[in-house]
Amino acid sequence: MDNFEAIAAIAMPDGATRVYILSDDNFSHRQRTLLLAFDLPAREADFSERTARFERAPEDRVSRVPASSGGR
């Protein structure tokens, strides 16, 4: 059984996603080192009905805290 150890995904110019998966042979003659690439076609998302919008109240917003001044 091959041992897959790495995965990466990149956005293609046409909106598709290319996923790379890398296996390692672990210095074994029974395994292989492979670089596999899969192209996932772009798909138009329609989130209008399925996505809820959450509005944060002003008091829930994170504000910046001043950094401490040295060793005081």
PDB file of N, CA and C in Angstrom:
ATOM      1  N   MET A   1       0.852  -1.165   0.000  1.00  0.00           N
ATOM      2  CA  MET A   1       0.000   0.000   0.000  1.00  0.00           C
ATOM      3  C   MET A   1       0.902   1.234   0.000  1.00  0.00           C
ATOM      4  N   ASP A   2       0.592   2.183  -0.870  1.00  0.00           N
ATOM      5  CA  ASP A   2       1.371   3.417  -0.922  1.00  0.00           C
ATOM      6  C   ASP A   2       1.031   4.316   0.261  1.00  0.00           C
ATOM      7  N   ASN A   3       2.005   5.100   0.652  1.00  0.00           N
ATOM      8  CA  ASN A   3       1.882   5.982   1.807  1.00  0.00           C
ATOM      9  C   ASN A   3       1.806   7.423   1.304  1.00  0.00           C
ATOM     10  N   PHE A   4       0.625   8.004   1.289  1.00  0.00           N
ATOM     11  CA  PHE A   4       0.458   9.378   0.808  1.00  0.00           C
ATOM     12  C   PHE A   4       0.765  10.342   1.942  1.00  0.00           C
ATOM     13  N   GLU A   5       1.700  11.251   1.680  1.00  0.00           N
ATOM     14  CA  GLU A   5       2.204  12.112   2.745  1.00  0.00           C
ATOM     15  C   GLU A   5       2.021  13.594   2.505  1.00  0.00           C
ATOM     16  N   ALA A   6       1.647  13.994   1.306  1.00  0.00           N
ATOM     17  CA  ALA A   6       1.528  15.425   1.028  1.00  0.00           C
ATOM     18  C   ALA A   6       0.317  15.676   0.148  1.00  0.00           C
ATOM     19  N   ILE A   7      -0.289  16.844   0.352  1.00  0.00           N
ATOM     20  CA  ILE A   7      -1.415  17.260  -0.475  1.00  0.00           C
ATOM     21  C   ILE A   7      -1.332  18.769  -0.656  1.00  0.00           C
ATOM     22  N   ALA A   8      -1.673  19.225  -1.847  1.00  0.00           N
ATOM     23  CA  ALA A   8      -1.691  20.659  -2.134  1.00  0.00           C
ATOM     24  C   ALA A   8      -2.811  20.924  -3.128  1.00  0.00           C
ATOM     25  N   ALA A   9      -3.403  22.091  -3.028  1.00  0.00           N
ATOM     26  CA  ALA A   9      -4.457  22.491  -3.962  1.00  0.00           C
ATOM     27  C   ALA A   9      -4.162  23.897  -4.449  1.00  0.00           C
ATOM     28  N   ILE A  10      -4.326  24.107  -5.752  1.00  0.00           N
ATOM     29  CA  ILE A  10      -4.123  25.441  -6.313  1.00  0.00           C
ATOM     30  C   ILE A  10      -5.315  25.805  -7.182  1.00  0.00           C
ATOM     31  N   ALA A  11      -5.624  27.085  -7.206  1.00  0.00           N
ATOM     32  CA  ALA A  11      -6.700  27.592  -8.054  1.00  0.00           C
ATOM     33  C   ALA A  11      -6.147  27.806  -9.455  1.00  0.00           C
ATOM     34  N   MET A  12      -6.844  27.311 -10.450  1.00  0.00           N
ATOM     35  CA  MET A  12      -6.437  27.457 -11.842  1.00  0.00           C
ATOM     36  C   MET A  12      -7.067  28.728 -12.419  1.00  0.00           C
ATOM     37  N   PRO A  13      -6.494  29.280 -13.488  1.00  0.00           N
ATOM     38  CA  PRO A  13      -7.029  30.518 -14.071  1.00  0.00           C
ATOM     39  C   PRO A  13      -8.488  30.420 -14.515  1.00  0.00           C
ATOM     40  N   ASP A  14      -8.939  29.222 -14.892  1.00  0.00           N
ATOM     41  CA  ASP A  14     -10.323  29.071 -15.358  1.00  0.00           C
ATOM     42  C   ASP A  14     -11.312  28.843 -14.218  1.00  0.00           C
ATOM     43  N   GLY A  15     -10.836  28.905 -12.968  1.00  0.00           N
ATOM     44  CA  GLY A  15     -11.715  28.716 -11.819  1.00  0.00           C
ATOM     45  C   GLY A  15     -11.722  27.298 -11.279  1.00  0.00           C
ATOM     46  N   ALA A  16     -11.106  26.375 -11.994  1.00  0.00           N
ATOM     47  CA  ALA A  16     -11.015  24.995 -11.517  1.00  0.00           C
ATOM     48  C   ALA A  16      -9.993  24.919 -10.386  1.00  0.00           C
ATOM     49  N   THR A  17      -9.944  23.788  -9.722  1.00  0.00           N
ATOM     50  CA  THR A  17      -8.963  23.547  -8.665  1.00  0.00           C
ATOM     51  C   THR A  17      -8.149  22.320  -9.042  1.00  0.00           C
ATOM     52  N   ARG A  18      -6.833  22.435  -8.947  1.00  0.00           N
ATOM     53  CA  ARG A  18      -5.957  21.283  -9.173  1.00  0.00           C
ATOM     54  C   ARG A  18      -5.443  20.822  -7.818  1.00  0.00           C
ATOM     55  N   VAL A  19      -5.637  19.531  -7.537  1.00  0.00           N
ATOM     56  CA  VAL A  19      -5.202  18.936  -6.278  1.00  0.00           C
ATOM     57  C   VAL A  19      -4.056  17.974  -6.578  1.00  0.00           C
ATOM     58  N   TYR A  20      -2.946  18.157  -5.858  1.00  0.00           N
ATOM     59  CA  TYR A  20      -1.792  17.272  -5.980  1.00  0.00           C
ATOM     60  C   TYR A  20      -1.698  16.414  -4.723  1.00  0.00           C
ATOM     61  N   ILE A  21      -1.416  15.126  -4.913  1.00  0.00           N
ATOM     62  CA  ILE A  21      -1.194  14.209  -3.803  1.00  0.00           C
ATOM     63  C   ILE A  21       0.128  13.492  -4.072  1.00  0.00           C
ATOM     64  N   LEU A  22       0.986  13.425  -3.055  1.00  0.00           N
ATOM     65  CA  LEU A  22       2.317  12.842  -3.205  1.00  0.00           C
ATOM     66  C   LEU A  22       2.478  11.646  -2.278  1.00  0.00           C
ATOM     67  N   SER A  23       2.971  10.548  -2.835  1.00  0.00           N
ATOM     68  CA  SER A  23       3.265   9.371  -2.008  1.00  0.00           C
ATOM     69  C   SER A  23       4.773   9.189  -1.916  1.00  0.00           C
ATOM     70  N   ASP A  24       5.201   8.462  -0.905  1.00  0.00           N
ATOM     71  CA  ASP A  24       6.614   8.212  -0.650  1.00  0.00           C
ATOM     72  C   ASP A  24       6.842   6.708  -0.652  1.00  0.00           C
ATOM     73  N   ASP A  25       7.960   6.280  -1.226  1.00  0.00           N
ATOM     74  CA  ASP A  25       8.234   4.843  -1.278  1.00  0.00           C
ATOM     75  C   ASP A  25       8.888   4.301  -0.011  1.00  0.00           C
ATOM     76  N   ASN A  26       9.254   5.187   0.924  1.00  0.00           N
ATOM     77  CA  ASN A  26       9.869   4.769   2.190  1.00  0.00           C
ATOM     78  C   ASN A  26      11.063   3.834   1.982  1.00  0.00           C
ATOM     79  N   PHE A  27      11.767   4.011   0.868  1.00  0.00           N
ATOM     80  CA  PHE A  27      12.936   3.186   0.524  1.00  0.00           C
ATOM     81  C   PHE A  27      12.581   1.701   0.420  1.00  0.00           C
ATOM     82  N   SER A  28      11.346   1.423   0.053  1.00  0.00           N
ATOM     83  CA  SER A  28      10.884   0.044  -0.069  1.00  0.00           C
ATOM     84  C   SER A  28      10.632  -0.281  -1.538  1.00  0.00           C
ATOM     85  N   HIS A  29      11.070  -1.453  -1.972  1.00  0.00           N
ATOM     86  CA  HIS A  29      10.812  -1.869  -3.353  1.00  0.00           C
ATOM     87  C   HIS A  29       9.339  -2.243  -3.562  1.00  0.00           C
ATOM     88  N   ARG A  30       8.584  -2.344  -2.494  1.00  0.00           N
ATOM     89  CA  ARG A  30       7.159  -2.676  -2.594  1.00  0.00           C
ATOM     90  C   ARG A  30       6.270  -1.442  -2.726  1.00  0.00           C
ATOM     91  N   GLN A  31       6.846  -0.270  -2.553  1.00  0.00           N
ATOM     92  CA  GLN A  31       6.077   0.968  -2.654  1.00  0.00           C
ATOM     93  C   GLN A  31       6.635   1.826  -3.776  1.00  0.00           C
ATOM     94  N   ARG A  32       5.870   2.857  -4.153  1.00  0.00           N
ATOM     95  CA  ARG A  32       6.278   3.760  -5.220  1.00  0.00           C
ATOM     96  C   ARG A  32       6.194   5.194  -4.739  1.00  0.00           C
ATOM     97  N   THR A  33       6.994   6.044  -5.360  1.00  0.00           N
ATOM     98  CA  THR A  33       6.851   7.480  -5.162  1.00  0.00           C
ATOM     99  C   THR A  33       6.008   7.988  -6.321  1.00  0.00           C
ATOM    100  N   LEU A  34       4.867   8.571  -6.003  1.00  0.00           N
ATOM    101  CA  LEU A  34       3.938   9.040  -7.031  1.00  0.00           C
ATOM    102  C   LEU A  34       3.549  10.483  -6.768  1.00  0.00           C
ATOM    103  N   LEU A  35       3.392  11.238  -7.839  1.00  0.00           N
ATOM    104  CA  LEU A  35       2.787  12.564  -7.769  1.00  0.00           C
ATOM    105  C   LEU A  35       1.528  12.491  -8.612  1.00  0.00           C
ATOM    106  N   LEU A  36       0.382  12.544  -7.954  1.00  0.00           N
ATOM    107  CA  LEU A  36      -0.905  12.474  -8.642  1.00  0.00           C
ATOM    108  C   LEU A  36      -1.506  13.867  -8.713  1.00  0.00           C
ATOM    109  N   ALA A  37      -2.139  14.187  -9.832  1.00  0.00           N
ATOM    110  CA  ALA A  37      -2.815  15.474  -9.996  1.00  0.00           C
ATOM    111  C   ALA A  37      -4.258  15.207 -10.412  1.00  0.00           C
ATOM    112  N   PHE A  38      -5.180  15.879  -9.748  1.00  0.00           N
ATOM    113  CA  PHE A  38      -6.600  15.763 -10.048  1.00  0.00           C
ATOM    114  C   PHE A  38      -7.138  17.156 -10.338  1.00  0.00           C
ATOM    115  N   ASP A  39      -7.856  17.310 -11.438  1.00  0.00           N
ATOM    116  CA  ASP A  39      -8.474  18.587 -11.773  1.00  0.00           C
ATOM    117  C   ASP A  39      -9.952  18.531 -11.418  1.00  0.00           C
ATOM    118  N   LEU A  40     -10.368  19.442 -10.549  1.00  0.00           N
ATOM    119  CA  LEU A  40     -11.770  19.548 -10.153  1.00  0.00           C
ATOM    120  C   LEU A  40     -12.362  20.730 -10.897  1.00  0.00           C
ATOM    121  N   PRO A  41     -13.388  20.523 -11.707  1.00  0.00           N
ATOM    122  CA  PRO A  41     -13.937  21.620 -12.501  1.00  0.00           C
ATOM    123  C   PRO A  41     -14.549  22.709 -11.630  1.00  0.00           C
ATOM    124  N   ALA A  42     -14.528  23.917 -12.174  1.00  0.00           N
ATOM    125  CA  ALA A  42     -15.155  25.049 -11.476  1.00  0.00           C
ATOM    126  C   ALA A  42     -16.653  24.817 -11.456  1.00  0.00           C
ATOM    127  N   ARG A  43     -17.258  25.309 -10.416  1.00  0.00           N
ATOM    128  CA  ARG A  43     -18.702  25.158 -10.334  1.00  0.00           C
ATOM    129  C   ARG A  43     -19.276  26.451  -9.786  1.00  0.00           C
ATOM    130  N   GLU A  44     -20.370  26.841 -10.339  1.00  0.00           N
ATOM    131  CA  GLU A  44     -20.997  28.083  -9.914  1.00  0.00           C
ATOM    132  C   GLU A  44     -21.733  27.850  -8.604  1.00  0.00           C
ATOM    133  N   ALA A  45     -21.379  28.628  -7.613  1.00  0.00           N
ATOM    134  CA  ALA A  45     -21.995  28.469  -6.296  1.00  0.00           C
ATOM    135  C   ALA A  45     -23.240  29.336  -6.191  1.00  0.00           C
ATOM    136  N   ASP A  46     -24.270  28.779  -5.594  1.00  0.00           N
ATOM    137  CA  ASP A  46     -25.486  29.536  -5.326  1.00  0.00           C
ATOM    138  C   ASP A  46     -25.757  29.430  -3.834  1.00  0.00           C
ATOM    139  N   PHE A  47     -25.303  30.430  -3.115  1.00  0.00           N
ATOM    140  CA  PHE A  47     -25.436  30.400  -1.666  1.00  0.00           C
ATOM    141  C   PHE A  47     -26.612  31.234  -1.168  1.00  0.00           C
ATOM    142  N   SER A  48     -27.387  31.785  -2.060  1.00  0.00           N
ATOM    143  CA  SER A  48     -28.438  32.708  -1.647  1.00  0.00           C
ATOM    144  C   SER A  48     -29.446  32.065  -0.700  1.00  0.00           C
ATOM    145  N   GLU A  49     -29.823  30.842  -0.924  1.00  0.00           N
ATOM    146  CA  GLU A  49     -30.838  30.181  -0.103  1.00  0.00           C
ATOM    147  C   GLU A  49     -30.231  29.388   1.050  1.00  0.00           C
ATOM    148  N   ARG A  50     -28.947  28.993   0.925  1.00  0.00           N
ATOM    149  CA  ARG A  50     -28.377  28.059   1.889  1.00  0.00           C
ATOM    150  C   ARG A  50     -27.477  28.697   2.928  1.00  0.00           C
ATOM    151  N   THR A  51     -27.127  29.947   2.771  1.00  0.00           N
ATOM    152  CA  THR A  51     -26.180  30.572   3.683  1.00  0.00           C
ATOM    153  C   THR A  51     -26.891  31.585   4.563  1.00  0.00           C
ATOM    154  N   ALA A  52     -26.735  31.414   5.853  1.00  0.00           N
ATOM    155  CA  ALA A  52     -27.311  32.375   6.793  1.00  0.00           C
ATOM    156  C   ALA A  52     -26.318  33.514   6.994  1.00  0.00           C
ATOM    157  N   ARG A  53     -26.816  34.705   7.163  1.00  0.00           N
ATOM    158  CA  ARG A  53     -25.951  35.854   7.421  1.00  0.00           C
ATOM    159  C   ARG A  53     -26.003  36.179   8.898  1.00  0.00           C
ATOM    160  N   PHE A  54     -24.854  36.385   9.461  1.00  0.00           N
ATOM    161  CA  PHE A  54     -24.767  36.727  10.866  1.00  0.00           C
ATOM    162  C   PHE A  54     -24.182  38.124  10.982  1.00  0.00           C
ATOM    163  N   GLU A  55     -24.883  38.978  11.652  1.00  0.00           N
ATOM    164  CA  GLU A  55     -24.405  40.339  11.885  1.00  0.00           C
ATOM    165  C   GLU A  55     -23.916  40.416  13.319  1.00  0.00           C
ATOM    166  N   ARG A  56     -22.749  40.992  13.520  1.00  0.00           N
ATOM    167  CA  ARG A  56     -22.215  41.149  14.878  1.00  0.00           C
ATOM    168  C   ARG A  56     -22.663  42.480  15.457  1.00  0.00           C
ATOM    169  N   ALA A  57     -23.029  42.422  16.702  1.00  0.00           N
ATOM    170  CA  ALA A  57     -23.349  43.655  17.409  1.00  0.00           C
ATOM    171  C   ALA A  57     -22.048  44.396  17.690  1.00  0.00           C
ATOM    172  N   PRO A  58     -22.065  45.733  17.763  1.00  0.00           N
ATOM    173  CA  PRO A  58     -20.830  46.493  18.003  1.00  0.00           C
ATOM    174  C   PRO A  58     -20.070  46.032  19.237  1.00  0.00           C
ATOM    175  N   GLU A  59     -20.762  45.621  20.287  1.00  0.00           N
ATOM    176  CA  GLU A  59     -20.065  45.202  21.508  1.00  0.00           C
ATOM    177  C   GLU A  59     -19.375  43.843  21.344  1.00  0.00           C
ATOM    178  N   ASP A  60     -19.715  43.082  20.311  1.00  0.00           N
ATOM    179  CA  ASP A  60     -19.077  41.790  20.064  1.00  0.00           C
ATOM    180  C   ASP A  60     -17.789  41.908  19.251  1.00  0.00           C
ATOM    181  N   ARG A  61     -17.531  43.067  18.709  1.00  0.00           N
ATOM    182  CA  ARG A  61     -16.353  43.228  17.861  1.00  0.00           C
ATOM    183  C   ARG A  61     -15.085  43.262  18.696  1.00  0.00           C
ATOM    184  N   VAL A  62     -14.037  42.711  18.156  1.00  0.00           N
ATOM    185  CA  VAL A  62     -12.746  42.685  18.841  1.00  0.00           C
ATOM    186  C   VAL A  62     -12.066  44.028  18.643  1.00  0.00           C
ATOM    187  N   SER A  63     -11.564  44.580  19.730  1.00  0.00           N
ATOM    188  CA  SER A  63     -10.826  45.838  19.618  1.00  0.00           C
ATOM    189  C   SER A  63      -9.361  45.577  19.929  1.00  0.00           C
ATOM    190  N   ARG A  64      -8.506  46.447  19.435  1.00  0.00           N
ATOM    191  CA  ARG A  64      -7.072  46.287  19.669  1.00  0.00           C
ATOM    192  C   ARG A  64      -6.728  46.686  21.097  1.00  0.00           C
ATOM    193  N   VAL A  65      -5.865  45.888  21.702  1.00  0.00           N
ATOM    194  CA  VAL A  65      -5.381  46.182  23.049  1.00  0.00           C
ATOM    195  C   VAL A  65      -3.981  46.752  22.903  1.00  0.00           C
ATOM    196  N   PRO A  66      -3.693  47.897  23.534  1.00  0.00           N
ATOM    197  CA  PRO A  66      -2.353  48.475  23.405  1.00  0.00           C
ATOM    198  C   PRO A  66      -1.288  47.510  23.919  1.00  0.00           C
ATOM    199  N   ALA A  67      -0.163  47.464  23.214  1.00  0.00           N
ATOM    200  CA  ALA A  67       0.949  46.602  23.627  1.00  0.00           C
ATOM    201  C   ALA A  67       1.538  47.135  24.922  1.00  0.00           C
ATOM    202  N   SER A  68       2.025  46.226  25.770  1.00  0.00           N
ATOM    203  CA  SER A  68       2.632  46.664  27.031  1.00  0.00           C
ATOM    204  C   SER A  68       3.928  47.402  26.735  1.00  0.00           C
ATOM    205  N   SER A  69       4.307  48.272  27.637  1.00  0.00           N
ATOM    206  CA  SER A  69       5.504  49.084  27.407  1.00  0.00           C
ATOM    207  C   SER A  69       6.689  48.516  28.167  1.00  0.00           C
ATOM    208  N   GLY A  70       7.301  47.499  27.604  1.00  0.00           N
ATOM    209  CA  GLY A  70       8.532  46.956  28.180  1.00  0.00           C
ATOM    210  C   GLY A  70       8.311  46.180  29.457  1.00  0.00           C
ATOM    211  N   GLY A  71       9.217  46.383  30.451  1.00  0.00           N
ATOM    212  CA  GLY A  71       9.206  45.581  31.670  1.00  0.00           C
ATOM    213  C   GLY A  71       8.479  46.215  32.826  1.00  0.00           C
ATOM    214  N   ARG A  72       7.450  46.975  32.592  1.00  0.00           N
ATOM    215  CA  ARG A  72       6.709  47.589  33.698  1.00  0.00           C
ATOM    216  C   ARG A  72       5.732  46.644  34.309  1.00  0.00           C
TER     217      ARG A  72
END
